[in-house]
C-alpha atoms as a PDB file:
ATOM      1  CA  MET A   1    -113.080 113.968 -15.555  1.00  0.00           C
ATOM      2  CA  TYR A   2    -113.936 112.563 -11.990  1.00  0.00           C
ATOM      3  CA  ASN A   3    -110.919 110.835 -10.378  1.00  0.00           C
ATOM      4  CA  LYS A   4    -108.687 112.096 -12.991  1.00  0.00           C
ATOM      5  CA  LEU A   5    -105.315 112.924 -10.735  1.00  0.00           C
ATOM      6  CA  ILE A   6    -104.097 116.282 -12.018  1.00  0.00           C
ATOM      7  CA  LEU A   7    -101.331 117.917 -10.875  1.00  0.00           C
ATOM      8  CA  ILE A   8    -100.327 121.379 -11.047  1.00  0.00           C
ATOM      9  CA  THR A   9     -97.229 123.290 -10.899  1.00  0.00           C
ATOM     10  CA  GLY A  10     -97.234 126.893  -8.719  1.00  0.00           C
ATOM     11  CA  GLY A  11    -101.292 125.508  -7.406  1.00  0.00           C
ATOM     12  CA  SER A  12    -100.373 127.429  -4.086  1.00  0.00           C
ATOM     13  CA  SER A  13    -101.750 130.871  -5.409  1.00  0.00           C
ATOM     14  CA  GLY A  14    -103.192 132.847  -8.866  1.00  0.00           C
ATOM     15  CA  ILE A  15    -104.566 130.466 -11.447  1.00  0.00           C
ATOM     16  CA  GLY A  16    -103.071 127.419 -10.799  1.00  0.00           C
ATOM     17  CA  LYS A  17    -105.015 127.669  -7.038  1.00  0.00           C
ATOM     18  CA  ALA A  18    -108.501 128.534  -9.133  1.00  0.00           C
ATOM     19  CA  ALA A  19    -108.030 126.099 -11.075  1.00  0.00           C
ATOM     20  CA  ALA A  20    -106.906 123.485  -8.794  1.00  0.00           C
ATOM     21  CA  LYS A  21    -110.707 124.611  -6.788  1.00  0.00           C
ATOM     22  CA  LEU A  22    -112.399 124.305 -10.330  1.00  0.00           C
ATOM     23  CA  LEU A  23    -111.233 120.683 -11.216  1.00  0.00           C
ATOM     24  CA  HIS A  24    -111.590 119.905  -7.685  1.00  0.00           C
ATOM     25  CA  ASN A  25    -115.264 120.742  -7.751  1.00  0.00           C
ATOM     26  CA  ASN A  26    -115.522 118.455 -10.595  1.00  0.00           C
ATOM     27  CA  GLY A  27    -114.103 115.422  -9.451  1.00  0.00           C
ATOM     28  CA  ALA A  28    -111.133 115.531  -9.989  1.00  0.00           C
ATOM     29  CA  ARG A  29    -108.072 114.425  -7.439  1.00  0.00           C
ATOM     30  CA  ILE A  30    -105.076 117.518  -6.879  1.00  0.00           C
ATOM     31  CA  ILE A  31    -101.504 117.628  -6.341  1.00  0.00           C
ATOM     32  CA  LEU A  32    -100.305 120.625  -5.591  1.00  0.00           C
ATOM     33  CA  GLN A  33     -96.486 122.057  -5.944  1.00  0.00           C
ATOM     34  CA  ALA A  34     -94.850 125.094  -4.883  1.00  0.00           C
ATOM     35  CA  ARG A  35     -92.026 126.238  -3.504  1.00  0.00           C
ATOM     36  CA  ASN A  36     -93.284 127.911   0.132  1.00  0.00           C
ATOM     37  CA  LEU A  37     -94.854 124.934   2.457  1.00  0.00           C
ATOM     38  CA  ASP A  38     -97.245 127.349   4.397  1.00  0.00           C
ATOM     39  CA  LYS A  39     -98.758 128.661   1.208  1.00  0.00           C
ATOM     40  CA  LEU A  40     -99.522 125.147  -0.247  1.00  0.00           C
ATOM     41  CA  LYS A  41    -100.563 123.849   2.914  1.00  0.00           C
ATOM     42  CA  SER A  42    -103.666 126.712   2.833  1.00  0.00           C
ATOM     43  CA  ALA A  43    -104.623 126.296  -0.309  1.00  0.00           C
ATOM     44  CA  ALA A  44    -104.600 122.683  -0.038  1.00  0.00           C
ATOM     45  CA  ASN A  45    -106.539 123.069   3.303  1.00  0.00           C
ATOM     46  CA  GLN A  46    -109.471 125.950   1.374  1.00  0.00           C
ATOM     47  CA  ILE A  47    -109.780 123.556  -1.908  1.00  0.00           C
ATOM     48  CA  ASP A  48    -110.611 120.225   0.867  1.00  0.00           C
ATOM     49  CA  SER A  49    -110.558 120.516   4.252  1.00  0.00           C
ATOM     50  CA  SER A  50    -110.786 116.506   4.213  1.00  0.00           C
ATOM     51  CA  GLY A  51    -106.956 116.734   2.807  1.00  0.00           C
ATOM     52  CA  ASN A  52    -109.204 113.653   0.480  1.00  0.00           C
ATOM     53  CA  ARG A  53    -108.403 114.688  -3.008  1.00  0.00           C
ATOM     54  CA  VAL A  54    -105.731 117.251  -2.651  1.00  0.00           C
ATOM     55  CA  SER A  55    -102.322 116.768  -1.729  1.00  0.00           C
ATOM     56  CA  TYR A  56     -99.457 119.016  -2.315  1.00  0.00           C
ATOM     57  CA  TYR A  57     -95.392 118.799  -2.106  1.00  0.00           C
ATOM     58  CA  SER A  58     -92.965 121.481  -1.491  1.00  0.00           C
ATOM     59  CA  THR A  59     -90.691 121.825  -4.820  1.00  0.00           C
ATOM     60  CA  ASP A  60     -87.921 124.189  -5.929  1.00  0.00           C
ATOM     61  CA  LEU A  61     -89.085 123.482  -9.929  1.00  0.00           C
ATOM     62  CA  ALA A  62     -86.318 125.312 -11.166  1.00  0.00           C
ATOM     63  CA  ASP A  63     -83.877 122.505  -9.640  1.00  0.00           C
ATOM     64  CA  GLN A  64     -83.556 119.148 -11.199  1.00  0.00           C
ATOM     65  CA  LYS A  65     -82.593 117.197  -7.897  1.00  0.00           C
ATOM     66  CA  SER A  66     -85.790 118.444  -6.566  1.00  0.00           C
ATOM     67  CA  VAL A  67     -87.784 117.693  -9.478  1.00  0.00           C
ATOM     68  CA  LEU A  68     -86.661 114.227  -9.135  1.00  0.00           C
ATOM     69  CA  SER A  69     -86.848 113.200  -5.689  1.00  0.00           C
ATOM     70  CA  SER A  70     -90.952 115.150  -6.157  1.00  0.00           C
ATOM     71  CA  ALA A  71     -91.284 113.439  -8.393  1.00  0.00           C
ATOM     72  CA  GLU A  72     -90.491 110.077  -7.226  1.00  0.00           C
ATOM     73  CA  GLN A  73     -92.810 110.774  -3.722  1.00  0.00           C
ATOM     74  CA  ILE A  74     -95.794 111.982  -5.664  1.00  0.00           C
ATOM     75  CA  ILE A  75     -95.484 108.565  -8.003  1.00  0.00           C
ATOM     76  CA  ASP A  76     -95.006 106.591  -4.647  1.00  0.00           C
ATOM     77  CA  ASN A  77     -97.679 108.416  -2.649  1.00  0.00           C
ATOM     78  CA  GLU A  78    -100.282 109.296  -5.495  1.00  0.00           C
ATOM     79  CA  GLY A  79     -99.327 107.625  -8.665  1.00  0.00           C
ATOM     80  CA  VAL A  80     -98.859 108.857 -11.856  1.00  0.00           C
ATOM     81  CA  PRO A  81    -100.551 111.641 -12.467  1.00  0.00           C
ATOM     82  CA  ASP A  82    -103.154 112.130 -15.834  1.00  0.00           C
ATOM     83  CA  VAL A  83    -102.565 115.416 -16.782  1.00  0.00           C
ATOM     84  CA  ILE A  84     -99.738 117.976 -15.619  1.00  0.00           C
ATOM     85  CA  ILE A  85    -100.852 121.538 -15.982  1.00  0.00           C
ATOM     86  CA  ASN A  86     -97.685 123.996 -15.691  1.00  0.00           C
ATOM     87  CA  CYS A  87     -98.666 127.708 -14.026  1.00  0.00           C
ATOM     88  CA  ALA A  88     -95.234 127.971 -12.119  1.00  0.00           C
ATOM     89  CA  GLY A  89     -93.641 130.920 -13.338  1.00  0.00           C
ATOM     90  CA  ALA A  90     -92.139 134.170 -12.520  1.00  0.00           C
ATOM     91  CA  GLY A  91     -89.930 136.820 -13.467  1.00  0.00           C
ATOM     92  CA  GLU A  92     -89.878 140.953 -13.069  1.00  0.00           C
ATOM     93  CA  TRP A  93     -89.551 142.804 -16.192  1.00  0.00           C
ATOM     94  CA  LEU A  94     -86.642 144.656 -16.337  1.00  0.00           C
ATOM     95  CA  SER A  95     -84.690 146.438 -19.310  1.00  0.00           C
ATOM     96  CA  PHE A  96     -81.215 145.182 -20.763  1.00  0.00           C
ATOM     97  CA  LYS A  97     -79.937 148.416 -18.573  1.00  0.00           C
ATOM     98  CA  GLU A  98     -81.753 148.031 -15.453  1.00  0.00           C
ATOM     99  CA  SER A  99     -80.962 144.018 -15.371  1.00  0.00           C
ATOM    100  CA  GLU A 100     -78.433 141.876 -13.299  1.00  0.00           C
ATOM    101  CA  ILE A 101     -76.482 138.762 -15.428  1.00  0.00           C
ATOM    102  CA  SER A 102     -78.005 136.741 -13.140  1.00  0.00           C
ATOM    103  CA  HIS A 103     -81.896 137.711 -14.188  1.00  0.00           C
ATOM    104  CA  TYR A 104     -81.537 136.119 -17.659  1.00  0.00           C
ATOM    105  CA  LYS A 105     -80.804 132.659 -15.827  1.00  0.00           C
ATOM    106  CA  GLN A 106     -83.453 133.029 -13.036  1.00  0.00           C
ATOM    107  CA  THR A 107     -86.497 134.360 -16.124  1.00  0.00           C
ATOM    108  CA  ILE A 108     -85.429 130.543 -17.935  1.00  0.00           C
ATOM    109  CA  ASP A 109     -84.713 129.011 -14.758  1.00  0.00           C
ATOM    110  CA  SER A 110     -88.792 129.589 -14.427  1.00  0.00           C
ATOM    111  CA  PRO A 111     -90.900 128.732 -16.481  1.00  0.00           C
ATOM    112  CA  TYR A 112     -89.526 127.651 -18.964  1.00  0.00           C
ATOM    113  CA  LEU A 113     -86.811 124.936 -16.980  1.00  0.00           C
ATOM    114  CA  ALA A 114     -89.395 124.622 -14.580  1.00  0.00           C
ATOM    115  CA  THR A 115     -92.120 123.439 -17.146  1.00  0.00           C
ATOM    116  CA  ALA A 116     -89.172 120.931 -19.149  1.00  0.00           C
ATOM    117  CA  LEU A 117     -87.958 119.470 -16.122  1.00  0.00           C
ATOM    118  CA  THR A 118     -91.711 118.456 -14.576  1.00  0.00           C
ATOM    119  CA  CYS A 119     -92.516 117.468 -18.009  1.00  0.00           C
ATOM    120  CA  LYS A 120     -90.009 115.360 -18.695  1.00  0.00           C
ATOM    121  CA  VAL A 121     -89.365 113.482 -15.487  1.00  0.00           C
ATOM    122  CA  PHE A 122     -93.172 112.631 -15.191  1.00  0.00           C
ATOM    123  CA  PHE A 123     -93.302 111.605 -19.089  1.00  0.00           C
ATOM    124  CA  ASP A 124     -90.871 108.877 -18.644  1.00  0.00           C
ATOM    125  CA  LYS A 125     -92.952 107.250 -16.063  1.00  0.00           C
ATOM    126  CA  MET A 126     -96.642 107.834 -18.309  1.00  0.00           C
ATOM    127  CA  GLN A 127     -94.583 105.839 -20.930  1.00  0.00           C
ATOM    128  CA  LYS A 128     -95.949 103.038 -19.103  1.00  0.00           C
ATOM    129  CA  ARG A 129     -99.168 103.927 -19.305  1.00  0.00           C
ATOM    130  CA  ALA A 130     -98.742 105.244 -22.795  1.00  0.00           C
ATOM    131  CA  SER A 131    -100.979 108.483 -22.236  1.00  0.00           C
ATOM    132  CA  GLY A 132    -101.136 111.806 -20.620  1.00  0.00           C
ATOM    133  CA  HIS A 133    -102.172 115.468 -20.973  1.00  0.00           C
ATOM    134  CA  PHE A 134     -99.353 118.404 -20.874  1.00  0.00           C
ATOM    135  CA  ILE A 135    -100.961 122.007 -20.060  1.00  0.00           C
ATOM    136  CA  ILE A 136     -98.241 124.571 -20.477  1.00  0.00           C
ATOM    137  CA  ILE A 137     -99.730 127.861 -19.208  1.00  0.00           C
ATOM    138  CA  ASN A 138     -97.894 131.004 -20.912  1.00  0.00           C
ATOM    139  CA  SER A 139     -98.134 134.791 -21.597  1.00  0.00           C
ATOM    140  CA  ALA A 140     -99.402 136.739 -24.897  1.00  0.00           C
ATOM    141  CA  ALA A 141     -95.651 138.270 -24.000  1.00  0.00           C
ATOM    142  CA  ALA A 142     -94.577 135.085 -26.512  1.00  0.00           C
ATOM    143  CA  TYR A 143     -96.420 136.320 -29.622  1.00  0.00           C
ATOM    144  CA  PHE A 144     -95.210 140.266 -29.075  1.00  0.00           C
ATOM    145  CA  SER A 145     -91.815 142.572 -27.961  1.00  0.00           C
ATOM    146  CA  PHE A 146     -92.207 145.067 -26.563  1.00  0.00           C
ATOM    147  CA  PRO A 147     -89.430 147.468 -24.574  1.00  0.00           C
ATOM    148  CA  GLY A 148     -88.326 146.742 -20.879  1.00  0.00           C
ATOM    149  CA  ALA A 149     -88.624 143.224 -20.816  1.00  0.00           C
ATOM    150  CA  THR A 150     -85.834 141.732 -22.082  1.00  0.00           C
ATOM    151  CA  GLY A 151     -85.582 138.440 -19.635  1.00  0.00           C
ATOM    152  CA  TYR A 152     -88.918 137.533 -19.130  1.00  0.00           C
ATOM    153  CA  ILE A 153     -90.223 137.955 -23.130  1.00  0.00           C
ATOM    154  CA  PRO A 154     -87.269 135.461 -24.583  1.00  0.00           C
ATOM    155  CA  ALA A 155     -88.305 132.713 -21.549  1.00  0.00           C
ATOM    156  CA  ARG A 156     -91.999 133.113 -22.594  1.00  0.00           C
ATOM    157  CA  TYR A 157     -90.732 132.683 -26.411  1.00  0.00           C
ATOM    158  CA  ALA A 158     -89.208 129.672 -24.963  1.00  0.00           C
ATOM    159  CA  MET A 159     -92.538 128.192 -23.339  1.00  0.00           C
ATOM    160  CA  LEU A 160     -94.096 128.145 -26.847  1.00  0.00           C
ATOM    161  CA  GLY A 161     -91.141 126.816 -28.792  1.00  0.00           C
ATOM    162  CA  PHE A 162     -91.439 124.256 -26.308  1.00  0.00           C
ATOM    163  CA  SER A 163     -95.170 123.780 -26.516  1.00  0.00           C
ATOM    164  CA  ARG A 164     -94.590 123.335 -30.649  1.00  0.00           C
ATOM    165  CA  ALA A 165     -91.821 121.553 -30.320  1.00  0.00           C
ATOM    166  CA  LEU A 166     -93.896 118.993 -27.541  1.00  0.00           C
ATOM    167  CA  GLN A 167     -96.936 119.092 -29.926  1.00  0.00           C
ATOM    168  CA  ALA A 168     -94.679 117.962 -32.614  1.00  0.00           C
ATOM    169  CA  ASP A 169     -92.763 115.072 -30.636  1.00  0.00           C
ATOM    170  CA  LEU A 170     -95.784 113.483 -29.491  1.00  0.00           C
ATOM    171  CA  HIS A 171     -98.301 113.732 -32.352  1.00  0.00           C
ATOM    172  CA  ASN A 172     -98.112 110.176 -33.507  1.00  0.00           C
ATOM    173  CA  SER A 173     -99.424 108.926 -29.948  1.00  0.00           C
ATOM    174  CA  ASP A 174    -102.108 109.428 -27.619  1.00  0.00           C
ATOM    175  CA  PHE A 175    -100.250 112.005 -25.103  1.00  0.00           C
ATOM    176  CA  LYS A 176    -101.430 115.704 -25.539  1.00  0.00           C
ATOM    177  CA  VAL A 177    -100.026 118.714 -25.220  1.00  0.00           C
ATOM    178  CA  SER A 178    -101.764 122.003 -24.920  1.00  0.00           C
ATOM    179  CA  MET A 179    -100.980 125.905 -24.490  1.00  0.00           C
ATOM    180  CA  ILE A 180    -102.794 128.447 -23.119  1.00  0.00           C
ATOM    181  CA  ALA A 181    -101.809 132.046 -23.564  1.00  0.00           C
ATOM    182  CA  LEU A 182    -103.129 134.333 -21.405  1.00  0.00           C
ATOM    183  CA  GLY A 183    -103.208 138.209 -21.591  1.00  0.00           C
ATOM    184  CA  LYS A 184    -103.102 140.486 -18.321  1.00  0.00           C
ATOM    185  CA  VAL A 185    -104.837 138.025 -15.071  1.00  0.00           C
ATOM    186  CA  ASP A 186    -105.718 139.737 -11.552  1.00  0.00           C
ATOM    187  CA  THR A 187    -103.091 137.883  -9.753  1.00  0.00           C
ATOM    188  CA  THR A 188    -100.780 138.866  -7.162  1.00  0.00           C
ATOM    189  CA  TYR A 189     -98.164 138.858  -9.687  1.00  0.00           C
ATOM    190  CA  PHE A 190     -98.498 142.221 -10.741  1.00  0.00           C
ATOM    191  CA  ILE A 191     -98.807 144.041  -6.826  1.00  0.00           C
ATOM    192  CA  ASN A 192     -95.627 141.918  -5.882  1.00  0.00           C
ATOM    193  CA  ASN A 193     -94.300 143.349  -8.878  1.00  0.00           C
ATOM    194  CA  PRO A 194     -95.647 147.233  -9.974  1.00  0.00           C
ATOM    195  CA  ILE A 195     -92.675 148.158 -12.412  1.00  0.00           C
ATOM    196  CA  SER A 196     -93.735 145.141 -14.277  1.00  0.00           C
ATOM    197  CA  GLU A 197     -97.611 145.942 -14.810  1.00  0.00           C
ATOM    198  CA  ASP A 198     -96.564 150.071 -15.444  1.00  0.00           C
ATOM    199  CA  ARG A 199     -94.465 148.524 -18.721  1.00  0.00           C
ATOM    200  CA  ILE A 200     -97.259 146.322 -19.834  1.00  0.00           C
ATOM    201  CA  PRO A 201     -98.272 148.645 -23.441  1.00  0.00           C
ATOM    202  CA  LYS A 202    -100.953 151.229 -23.235  1.00  0.00           C
ATOM    203  CA  ILE A 203    -102.235 149.502 -26.652  1.00  0.00           C
ATOM    204  CA  SER A 204    -102.702 146.704 -24.270  1.00  0.00           C
ATOM    205  CA  ASP A 205    -104.443 148.182 -21.653  1.00  0.00           C
ATOM    206  CA  TRP A 206    -106.885 149.978 -24.406  1.00  0.00           C
ATOM    207  CA  LEU A 207    -107.672 146.375 -26.404  1.00  0.00           C
ATOM    208  CA  ILE A 208    -107.617 143.726 -24.147  1.00  0.00           C
ATOM    209  CA  PRO A 209    -109.787 143.006 -20.704  1.00  0.00           C
ATOM    210  CA  THR A 210    -107.734 142.225 -17.753  1.00  0.00           C
ATOM    211  CA  LEU A 211    -109.186 138.269 -17.118  1.00  0.00           C
ATOM    212  CA  SER A 212    -110.285 137.526 -13.534  1.00  0.00           C
ATOM    213  CA  VAL A 213    -108.072 134.596 -11.774  1.00  0.00           C
ATOM    214  CA  GLU A 214    -111.435 132.857 -11.477  1.00  0.00           C
ATOM    215  CA  ALA A 215    -111.670 133.257 -15.271  1.00  0.00           C
ATOM    216  CA  ALA A 216    -108.158 132.377 -15.854  1.00  0.00           C
ATOM    217  CA  GLY A 217    -109.031 129.003 -13.912  1.00  0.00           C
ATOM    218  CA  GLU A 218    -112.460 128.322 -15.514  1.00  0.00           C
ATOM    219  CA  ILE A 219    -110.205 128.405 -19.023  1.00  0.00           C
ATOM    220  CA  VAL A 220    -107.702 125.983 -17.238  1.00  0.00           C
ATOM    221  CA  LYS A 221    -110.750 123.728 -16.333  1.00  0.00           C
ATOM    222  CA  LYS A 222    -111.884 123.488 -19.843  1.00  0.00           C
ATOM    223  CA  VAL A 223    -109.057 122.501 -21.744  1.00  0.00           C
ATOM    224  CA  VAL A 224    -108.409 119.721 -19.406  1.00  0.00           C
ATOM    225  CA  GLU A 225    -111.810 118.938 -20.921  1.00  0.00           C
ATOM    226  CA  SER A 226    -111.066 119.602 -24.840  1.00  0.00           C
ATOM    227  CA  LYS A 227    -107.610 119.151 -24.765  1.00  0.00           C
ATOM    228  CA  LYS A 228    -107.450 121.973 -27.543  1.00  0.00           C
ATOM    229  CA  PRO A 229    -103.660 122.345 -28.751  1.00  0.00           C
ATOM    230  CA  ILE A 230    -103.839 126.329 -28.678  1.00  0.00           C
ATOM    231  CA  VAL A 231    -105.844 128.337 -26.563  1.00  0.00           C
ATOM    232  CA  ILE A 232    -105.547 132.575 -26.305  1.00  0.00           C
ATOM    233  CA  LYS A 233    -107.157 134.516 -24.283  1.00  0.00           C
ATOM    234  CA  PRO A 234    -109.787 136.829 -24.067  1.00  0.00           C
ATOM    235  CA  PHE A 235    -110.572 136.074 -27.693  1.00  0.00           C
ATOM    236  CA  ILE A 236    -109.417 139.986 -28.700  1.00  0.00           C
ATOM    237  CA  LEU A 237    -105.726 138.776 -27.746  1.00  0.00           C
ATOM    238  CA  SER A 238    -106.265 136.094 -30.164  1.00  0.00           C
ATOM    239  CA  ALA A 239    -107.435 138.417 -33.019  1.00  0.00           C
ATOM    240  CA  LEU A 240    -104.452 140.721 -32.389  1.00  0.00           C
ATOM    241  CA  VAL A 241    -102.173 137.261 -32.383  1.00  0.00           C
ATOM    242  CA  LEU A 242    -103.379 136.747 -35.918  1.00  0.00           C
ATOM    243  CA  LEU A 243    -102.854 140.423 -36.883  1.00  0.00           C
ATOM    244  CA  ASN A 244     -99.253 140.684 -35.779  1.00  0.00           C
ATOM    245  CA  ARG A 245     -98.558 137.532 -38.132  1.00  0.00           C
ATOM    246  CA  PHE A 246     -99.465 139.633 -41.549  1.00  0.00           C
ATOM    247  CA  PHE A 247     -98.469 142.754 -39.704  1.00  0.00           C
ATOM    248  CA  PRO A 248     -95.454 142.714 -37.648  1.00  0.00           C
ATOM    249  CA  ARG A 249     -93.579 145.951 -38.182  1.00  0.00           C
ATOM    250  CA  LEU A 250     -96.530 147.762 -37.264  1.00  0.00           C
ATOM    251  CA  PHE A 251     -97.218 145.793 -34.367  1.00  0.00           C
ATOM    252  CA  ARG A 252     -93.633 146.361 -33.043  1.00  0.00           C
ATOM    253  CA  TRP A 253     -93.640 150.294 -33.764  1.00  0.00           C
ATOM    254  CA  VAL A 254     -97.186 150.342 -32.234  1.00  0.00           C
ATOM    255  CA  MET A 255     -95.593 148.532 -28.833  1.00  0.00           C
ATOM    256  CA  ARG A 256     -93.026 150.880 -28.595  1.00  0.00           C
ATOM    257  CA  ILE A 257     -94.358 153.973 -29.322  1.00  0.00           C
ATOM    258  CA  THR A 258     -97.422 152.873 -26.153  1.00  0.00           C
ATOM    259  CA  SER A 259     -94.377 151.455 -24.071  1.00  0.00           C
ATOM    260  CA  GLN A 260     -93.133 152.845 -20.711  1.00  0.00           C
ATOM    261  CA  GLY A 261     -90.400 150.375 -20.864  1.00  0.00           C
END
């Protein structure tokens, strides 16, 4: 991992920031991307106050022009990343009745389009080197359905579909694609979106432990090292995903009756 150039979208806070700290401590050079410049500066300073192995770029990751412009600056100033970790994501959990029509474009813009645009623009440059590693951070919602999140869940399904399609597309190459699906992580997301936390099906709260942001960052670091294609954490979540394949109707029923959506 020493001296690898790692780009982390959504790296100014949460899982992205936690992963950046760990990867930097293991010798990687870190590039942070997010929209809020002040938060980027603060995160970069916390990771490396000298600024020798961390840089940051304010980018609207859901906007094609912004992604392209920022990528050009990054490549000119830092080089072509070895690893791209897609942590950027948003999306309030709203029911079909509650949501405005704009909600559905917003939830697709980030995380799905942010991830697809970022991977594509850097892949075009990585091809000269003929190698790279794309890591896509996703939610367990990609494997289940429950009430009260009609924009959020389809966007996470899109992330799962993109991960699988990209793995299939690049299988016969030195490019690697990893997807990490996580349960609830103790980040500021749920502080900023309290209605979303209330709508987590209670069966999940009962069975699946909440991950600390540091634990989530450690999972990301290990995937950078291992390049495993699919990682679902915590372990009990991976078992439930497997059971859901065999008993989908049962899981849909349980998720519905234990949800407040």
